[in-house]
Every structure is written in C-alpha cells, then in structure tokens.
C-alpha cells in the first residue's frame, strides 16, 4: 500500500494506492465525527478519481469512516456512486450544502471488500 499524500504532498484525488495481484485500488478516505455519519464529498473530485483510476486500469473507491464512541464504522463506495449521490444532493438543495453523503448510503464493509471490487 502506498500513501499518495506522502508522494504528492496531499494528492488531490486519492489518499491510498493498494495493489494485490493485478487488482489496483485508488482509495479516497473521508472521516467524520458527526453522530449522523455525514460527509462532505465534491462530485468533481469523485469523478476525477474515477477517470484517473479508469485511465490506470484501477478501481476507484471511497472509504467512509465514522468515528463513534463505540469505535469506527467503515463503509466503502465506488467513486462513481459517490459523485452521483453528491451531485443529486447538491442539485436538490438551494443553498450551500456542507454534507453530501451519509454513512447509511453505503453498505459495503471491509469484510465485503474482496467481492465488492471484483
């Protein structure tokens, strides 16, 4: 696993590059401490990650981490799904929207990751 932020001084689209065999994953990590599990995620950045990953024959994922008193809740979503959800919520809100995603929008957990990326 490679921390892209160390290589590119806060890489714009992804935080991590992971590889196992021929499978490559670009992962953008988003964290929140809100009790509702709300995240900010701009559609353009998610689309950019998806395009970059496609060009490099990789899979583009978001890892959404909600820090709770009972421990972290971690869910995964494809960048394309993140971009679509965020764009829909921005279009439906007539003002400045700070949170674009909710942890409950995503069902895949770390234990599901192998089948999720295939």
N, C-alpha and C. Protein backbone atom coordinates (compact mmCIF):
# COMPACT_ATOMS: atom_id res chain seq x y z
N UNK A 1 0.85 -1.16 0.00
CA UNK A 1 0.00 0.00 0.00
C UNK A 1 0.90 1.23 0.00
N UNK A 2 0.47 2.24 -0.77
CA UNK A 2 1.24 3.48 -0.89
C UNK A 2 0.37 4.64 -0.41
N UNK A 3 0.92 5.46 0.48
CA UNK A 3 0.24 6.68 0.90
C UNK A 3 0.56 7.75 -0.14
N UNK A 4 -0.39 8.06 -1.01
CA UNK A 4 -0.18 9.01 -2.09
C UNK A 4 0.07 10.42 -1.58
N UNK A 5 -0.43 10.74 -0.40
CA UNK A 5 -0.20 12.07 0.16
C UNK A 5 1.27 12.31 0.50
N UNK A 6 1.98 11.26 0.84
CA UNK A 6 3.41 11.40 1.10
C UNK A 6 4.19 11.61 -0.19
N UNK A 7 3.73 11.00 -1.27
CA UNK A 7 4.42 11.13 -2.55
C UNK A 7 4.14 12.45 -3.24
N UNK A 8 2.91 12.94 -3.11
CA UNK A 8 2.50 14.11 -3.89
C UNK A 8 2.06 15.28 -3.02
N UNK A 9 2.43 15.29 -1.75
CA UNK A 9 2.08 16.39 -0.85
C UNK A 9 0.60 16.72 -0.92
N UNK A 10 -0.21 15.85 -0.36
CA UNK A 10 -1.67 15.95 -0.35
C UNK A 10 -2.24 15.77 -1.75
N UNK A 11 -2.11 14.58 -2.27
CA UNK A 11 -2.60 14.23 -3.60
C UNK A 11 -4.09 14.56 -3.70
N UNK A 12 -4.49 15.21 -4.75
CA UNK A 12 -5.83 15.79 -4.88
C UNK A 12 -6.97 14.77 -4.89
N UNK A 13 -6.80 13.63 -5.53
CA UNK A 13 -7.93 12.73 -5.78
C UNK A 13 -8.02 11.53 -4.86
N UNK A 14 -6.89 11.01 -4.39
CA UNK A 14 -6.92 9.79 -3.59
C UNK A 14 -5.87 9.87 -2.50
N UNK A 15 -6.09 9.10 -1.45
CA UNK A 15 -5.15 9.04 -0.34
C UNK A 15 -4.23 7.83 -0.42
N UNK A 16 -4.77 6.72 -0.92
CA UNK A 16 -4.02 5.46 -0.91
C UNK A 16 -4.08 4.78 -2.27
N UNK A 17 -3.01 4.06 -2.58
CA UNK A 17 -2.97 3.16 -3.72
C UNK A 17 -2.64 1.79 -3.16
N UNK A 18 -3.54 0.85 -3.37
CA UNK A 18 -3.33 -0.52 -2.89
C UNK A 18 -3.31 -1.45 -4.09
N UNK A 19 -2.51 -2.49 -4.01
CA UNK A 19 -2.42 -3.44 -5.10
C UNK A 19 -2.29 -4.84 -4.53
N UNK A 20 -3.07 -5.75 -5.12
CA UNK A 20 -2.93 -7.17 -4.80
C UNK A 20 -3.07 -7.92 -6.11
N UNK A 21 -2.02 -8.61 -6.51
CA UNK A 21 -2.02 -9.26 -7.80
C UNK A 21 -2.16 -8.21 -8.89
N UNK A 22 -3.11 -8.40 -9.78
CA UNK A 22 -3.32 -7.42 -10.85
C UNK A 22 -4.38 -6.38 -10.49
N UNK A 23 -4.97 -6.48 -9.30
CA UNK A 23 -6.01 -5.53 -8.88
C UNK A 23 -5.36 -4.33 -8.21
N UNK A 24 -5.69 -3.14 -8.73
CA UNK A 24 -5.20 -1.88 -8.16
C UNK A 24 -6.40 -1.07 -7.68
N UNK A 25 -6.27 -0.49 -6.50
CA UNK A 25 -7.31 0.34 -5.92
C UNK A 25 -6.77 1.71 -5.60
N UNK A 26 -7.47 2.73 -6.05
CA UNK A 26 -7.24 4.09 -5.57
C UNK A 26 -8.32 4.34 -4.53
N UNK A 27 -7.92 4.78 -3.33
CA UNK A 27 -8.88 4.96 -2.25
C UNK A 27 -8.79 6.38 -1.70
N UNK A 28 -9.94 7.05 -1.71
CA UNK A 28 -10.08 8.35 -1.05
C UNK A 28 -10.70 8.09 0.31
N UNK A 29 -10.06 8.53 1.36
CA UNK A 29 -10.56 8.30 2.72
C UNK A 29 -11.23 9.58 3.22
N UNK A 30 -12.46 9.44 3.69
CA UNK A 30 -13.21 10.55 4.27
C UNK A 30 -13.58 10.16 5.69
N UNK A 31 -13.39 11.07 6.63
CA UNK A 31 -13.73 10.79 8.01
C UNK A 31 -14.72 11.80 8.56
N UNK A 32 -15.48 11.37 9.56
CA UNK A 32 -16.42 12.27 10.22
C UNK A 32 -16.60 11.84 11.67
N UNK A 33 -16.92 12.81 12.50
CA UNK A 33 -17.28 12.52 13.88
C UNK A 33 -18.73 12.91 14.15
N UNK A 34 -19.48 13.30 13.10
CA UNK A 34 -20.88 13.66 13.30
C UNK A 34 -21.68 12.43 13.72
N UNK A 35 -22.61 12.63 14.62
CA UNK A 35 -23.40 11.49 15.10
C UNK A 35 -24.28 10.90 14.00
N UNK A 36 -24.61 11.71 12.98
CA UNK A 36 -25.43 11.22 11.86
C UNK A 36 -24.60 10.52 10.79
N UNK A 37 -23.29 10.62 10.88
CA UNK A 37 -22.42 10.00 9.87
C UNK A 37 -22.45 10.74 8.55
N UNK A 38 -22.40 12.07 8.60
CA UNK A 38 -22.45 12.89 7.40
C UNK A 38 -21.05 13.26 6.92
N UNK A 39 -20.87 13.27 5.59
CA UNK A 39 -19.58 13.55 4.98
C UNK A 39 -19.71 14.62 3.91
N UNK A 40 -18.65 15.37 3.72
CA UNK A 40 -18.56 16.27 2.58
C UNK A 40 -17.78 15.57 1.49
N UNK A 41 -18.30 15.59 0.28
CA UNK A 41 -17.59 14.97 -0.86
C UNK A 41 -18.04 15.69 -2.13
N UNK A 42 -17.11 16.33 -2.80
CA UNK A 42 -17.45 17.08 -4.00
C UNK A 42 -17.56 16.14 -5.21
N UNK A 43 -18.61 16.28 -6.00
CA UNK A 43 -18.81 15.39 -7.16
C UNK A 43 -17.65 15.44 -8.15
N UNK A 44 -17.10 16.62 -8.38
CA UNK A 44 -16.00 16.75 -9.34
C UNK A 44 -14.76 15.97 -8.94
N UNK A 45 -14.46 15.98 -7.67
CA UNK A 45 -13.29 15.22 -7.20
C UNK A 45 -13.53 13.72 -7.32
N UNK A 46 -14.74 13.28 -6.99
CA UNK A 46 -15.06 11.86 -7.11
C UNK A 46 -15.02 11.43 -8.58
N UNK A 47 -15.53 12.26 -9.47
CA UNK A 47 -15.47 11.97 -10.91
C UNK A 47 -14.02 11.94 -11.39
N UNK A 48 -13.22 12.88 -10.89
CA UNK A 48 -11.79 12.90 -11.25
C UNK A 48 -11.07 11.64 -10.83
N UNK A 49 -11.37 11.16 -9.63
CA UNK A 49 -10.77 9.90 -9.15
C UNK A 49 -11.20 8.75 -10.04
N UNK A 50 -12.47 8.71 -10.40
CA UNK A 50 -12.98 7.64 -11.26
C UNK A 50 -12.28 7.66 -12.63
N UNK A 51 -12.10 8.83 -13.20
CA UNK A 51 -11.43 8.96 -14.50
C UNK A 51 -9.97 8.54 -14.39
N UNK A 52 -9.28 9.01 -13.35
CA UNK A 52 -7.87 8.64 -13.14
C UNK A 52 -7.72 7.13 -13.00
N UNK A 53 -8.56 6.53 -12.19
CA UNK A 53 -8.48 5.08 -11.98
C UNK A 53 -8.74 4.33 -13.27
N UNK A 54 -9.71 4.78 -14.05
CA UNK A 54 -10.03 4.13 -15.32
C UNK A 54 -8.83 4.20 -16.28
N UNK A 55 -8.18 5.34 -16.33
CA UNK A 55 -7.00 5.51 -17.19
C UNK A 55 -5.85 4.58 -16.78
N UNK A 56 -5.77 4.29 -15.50
CA UNK A 56 -4.68 3.46 -14.97
C UNK A 56 -5.12 2.02 -14.70
N UNK A 57 -6.27 1.63 -15.25
CA UNK A 57 -6.81 0.28 -15.09
C UNK A 57 -6.90 -0.12 -13.62
N UNK A 58 -7.52 0.77 -12.84
CA UNK A 58 -7.67 0.55 -11.41
C UNK A 58 -9.13 0.76 -11.03
N UNK A 59 -9.44 0.49 -9.78
CA UNK A 59 -10.78 0.69 -9.23
C UNK A 59 -10.71 1.88 -8.29
N UNK A 60 -11.69 2.77 -8.40
CA UNK A 60 -11.74 3.98 -7.58
C UNK A 60 -12.76 3.82 -6.47
N UNK A 61 -12.30 3.89 -5.22
CA UNK A 61 -13.16 3.70 -4.06
C UNK A 61 -13.09 4.87 -3.10
N UNK A 62 -14.15 5.04 -2.36
CA UNK A 62 -14.15 5.93 -1.20
C UNK A 62 -14.28 5.05 0.03
N UNK A 63 -13.47 5.32 1.04
CA UNK A 63 -13.59 4.69 2.35
C UNK A 63 -14.16 5.75 3.28
N UNK A 64 -15.37 5.53 3.76
CA UNK A 64 -16.05 6.49 4.63
C UNK A 64 -15.95 5.98 6.06
N UNK A 65 -15.31 6.77 6.91
CA UNK A 65 -15.02 6.35 8.28
C UNK A 65 -15.75 7.28 9.24
N UNK A 66 -16.70 6.72 9.98
CA UNK A 66 -17.41 7.47 11.00
C UNK A 66 -16.84 7.06 12.35
N UNK A 67 -16.27 8.02 13.08
CA UNK A 67 -15.72 7.74 14.40
C UNK A 67 -16.84 7.92 15.42
N UNK A 68 -17.15 6.83 16.12
CA UNK A 68 -18.23 6.84 17.12
C UNK A 68 -17.66 6.45 18.48
N UNK A 69 -18.38 6.69 19.56
CA UNK A 69 -17.92 6.27 20.89
C UNK A 69 -17.71 4.75 20.98
N UNK A 70 -18.42 3.98 20.14
CA UNK A 70 -18.29 2.53 20.15
C UNK A 70 -17.20 2.02 19.21
N UNK A 71 -16.50 2.93 18.56
CA UNK A 71 -15.46 2.55 17.61
C UNK A 71 -15.83 3.00 16.21
N UNK A 72 -14.92 2.83 15.27
CA UNK A 72 -15.17 3.32 13.91
C UNK A 72 -16.17 2.46 13.15
N UNK A 73 -16.97 3.12 12.33
CA UNK A 73 -17.84 2.45 11.37
C UNK A 73 -17.25 2.78 10.01
N UNK A 74 -16.92 1.76 9.23
CA UNK A 74 -16.26 1.98 7.93
C UNK A 74 -17.11 1.34 6.84
N UNK A 75 -17.39 2.14 5.81
CA UNK A 75 -18.13 1.67 4.65
C UNK A 75 -17.36 2.09 3.39
N UNK A 76 -17.60 1.36 2.32
CA UNK A 76 -16.93 1.63 1.05
C UNK A 76 -17.96 1.89 -0.03
N UNK A 77 -17.60 2.76 -0.97
CA UNK A 77 -18.44 3.02 -2.13
C UNK A 77 -17.56 3.33 -3.33
N UNK A 78 -18.06 3.00 -4.51
CA UNK A 78 -17.34 3.35 -5.74
C UNK A 78 -17.37 4.87 -5.92
N UNK A 79 -16.31 5.44 -6.45
CA UNK A 79 -16.24 6.88 -6.67
C UNK A 79 -17.39 7.37 -7.54
N UNK A 80 -17.78 6.57 -8.52
CA UNK A 80 -18.88 6.95 -9.40
C UNK A 80 -20.19 7.09 -8.60
N UNK A 81 -20.43 6.19 -7.65
CA UNK A 81 -21.61 6.27 -6.79
C UNK A 81 -21.55 7.51 -5.91
N UNK A 82 -20.38 7.80 -5.36
CA UNK A 82 -20.19 8.98 -4.53
C UNK A 82 -20.48 10.24 -5.33
N UNK A 83 -19.94 10.33 -6.55
CA UNK A 83 -20.16 11.50 -7.40
C UNK A 83 -21.64 11.69 -7.71
N UNK A 84 -22.33 10.62 -8.02
CA UNK A 84 -23.74 10.69 -8.35
C UNK A 84 -24.59 11.14 -7.16
N UNK A 85 -24.37 10.54 -6.00
CA UNK A 85 -25.12 10.92 -4.80
C UNK A 85 -24.88 12.38 -4.42
N UNK A 86 -23.62 12.77 -4.43
CA UNK A 86 -23.28 14.15 -4.07
C UNK A 86 -23.90 15.14 -5.04
N UNK A 87 -23.85 14.86 -6.32
CA UNK A 87 -24.43 15.75 -7.33
C UNK A 87 -25.94 15.86 -7.14
N UNK A 88 -26.61 14.75 -6.86
CA UNK A 88 -28.06 14.77 -6.64
C UNK A 88 -28.42 15.63 -5.43
N UNK A 89 -27.67 15.49 -4.36
CA UNK A 89 -27.98 16.24 -3.15
C UNK A 89 -27.70 17.73 -3.33
N UNK A 90 -26.65 18.06 -4.05
CA UNK A 90 -26.35 19.47 -4.31
C UNK A 90 -27.45 20.09 -5.18
N UNK A 91 -27.90 19.37 -6.20
CA UNK A 91 -28.94 19.88 -7.09
C UNK A 91 -30.26 20.07 -6.35
N UNK A 92 -30.54 19.24 -5.36
CA UNK A 92 -31.81 19.30 -4.64
C UNK A 92 -31.82 20.35 -3.52
N UNK A 93 -30.66 20.89 -3.19
CA UNK A 93 -30.55 21.83 -2.08
C UNK A 93 -30.27 23.22 -2.62
N UNK A 94 -31.05 24.18 -2.22
CA UNK A 94 -30.90 25.55 -2.73
C UNK A 94 -30.18 26.41 -1.71
N UNK A 95 -28.92 26.18 -1.58
CA UNK A 95 -28.08 26.90 -0.64
C UNK A 95 -26.71 26.23 -0.64
N UNK A 96 -25.91 26.53 0.35
CA UNK A 96 -24.59 25.91 0.44
C UNK A 96 -24.70 24.63 1.26
N UNK A 97 -24.47 23.50 0.61
CA UNK A 97 -24.59 22.20 1.25
C UNK A 97 -23.21 21.74 1.74
N UNK A 98 -23.09 21.53 3.04
CA UNK A 98 -21.81 21.12 3.62
C UNK A 98 -21.61 19.60 3.58
N UNK A 99 -22.68 18.86 3.80
CA UNK A 99 -22.59 17.40 3.82
C UNK A 99 -23.32 16.83 2.62
N UNK A 100 -22.64 15.97 1.88
CA UNK A 100 -23.19 15.42 0.65
C UNK A 100 -23.54 13.93 0.75
N UNK A 101 -22.99 13.26 1.74
CA UNK A 101 -23.15 11.81 1.87
C UNK A 101 -23.47 11.45 3.31
N UNK A 102 -24.05 10.27 3.48
CA UNK A 102 -24.32 9.74 4.82
C UNK A 102 -23.78 8.31 4.87
N UNK A 103 -23.26 7.91 5.99
CA UNK A 103 -22.69 6.56 6.14
C UNK A 103 -23.71 5.49 5.75
N UNK A 104 -24.99 5.75 5.98
CA UNK A 104 -26.02 4.77 5.65
C UNK A 104 -26.29 4.67 4.15
N UNK A 105 -25.71 5.56 3.36
CA UNK A 105 -25.82 5.45 1.90
C UNK A 105 -25.04 4.26 1.36
N UNK A 106 -24.14 3.72 2.17
CA UNK A 106 -23.21 2.70 1.72
C UNK A 106 -23.32 1.46 2.60
N UNK A 107 -23.28 0.30 1.97
CA UNK A 107 -23.47 -0.95 2.72
C UNK A 107 -22.22 -1.82 2.79
N UNK A 108 -21.25 -1.58 1.92
CA UNK A 108 -20.08 -2.46 1.89
C UNK A 108 -19.13 -2.15 3.03
N UNK A 109 -18.74 -3.21 3.74
CA UNK A 109 -17.78 -3.13 4.84
C UNK A 109 -16.48 -3.78 4.41
N UNK A 110 -15.46 -3.70 5.26
CA UNK A 110 -14.16 -4.26 4.93
C UNK A 110 -14.26 -5.76 4.62
N UNK A 111 -15.14 -6.46 5.31
CA UNK A 111 -15.27 -7.89 5.07
C UNK A 111 -15.86 -8.19 3.68
N UNK A 112 -16.55 -7.21 3.09
CA UNK A 112 -17.15 -7.36 1.77
C UNK A 112 -16.24 -6.88 0.65
N UNK A 113 -15.10 -6.33 1.00
CA UNK A 113 -14.28 -5.62 0.02
C UNK A 113 -13.82 -6.50 -1.14
N UNK A 114 -13.47 -7.73 -0.88
CA UNK A 114 -12.99 -8.61 -1.95
C UNK A 114 -14.06 -8.81 -3.03
N UNK A 115 -15.28 -9.08 -2.65
CA UNK A 115 -16.34 -9.27 -3.64
C UNK A 115 -16.80 -7.93 -4.23
N UNK A 116 -16.65 -6.87 -3.49
CA UNK A 116 -17.07 -5.54 -3.93
C UNK A 116 -16.22 -5.05 -5.10
N UNK A 117 -14.94 -5.34 -5.08
CA UNK A 117 -14.04 -4.80 -6.10
C UNK A 117 -13.91 -5.71 -7.32
N UNK A 118 -14.48 -6.90 -7.28
CA UNK A 118 -14.36 -7.81 -8.42
C UNK A 118 -15.33 -7.46 -9.52
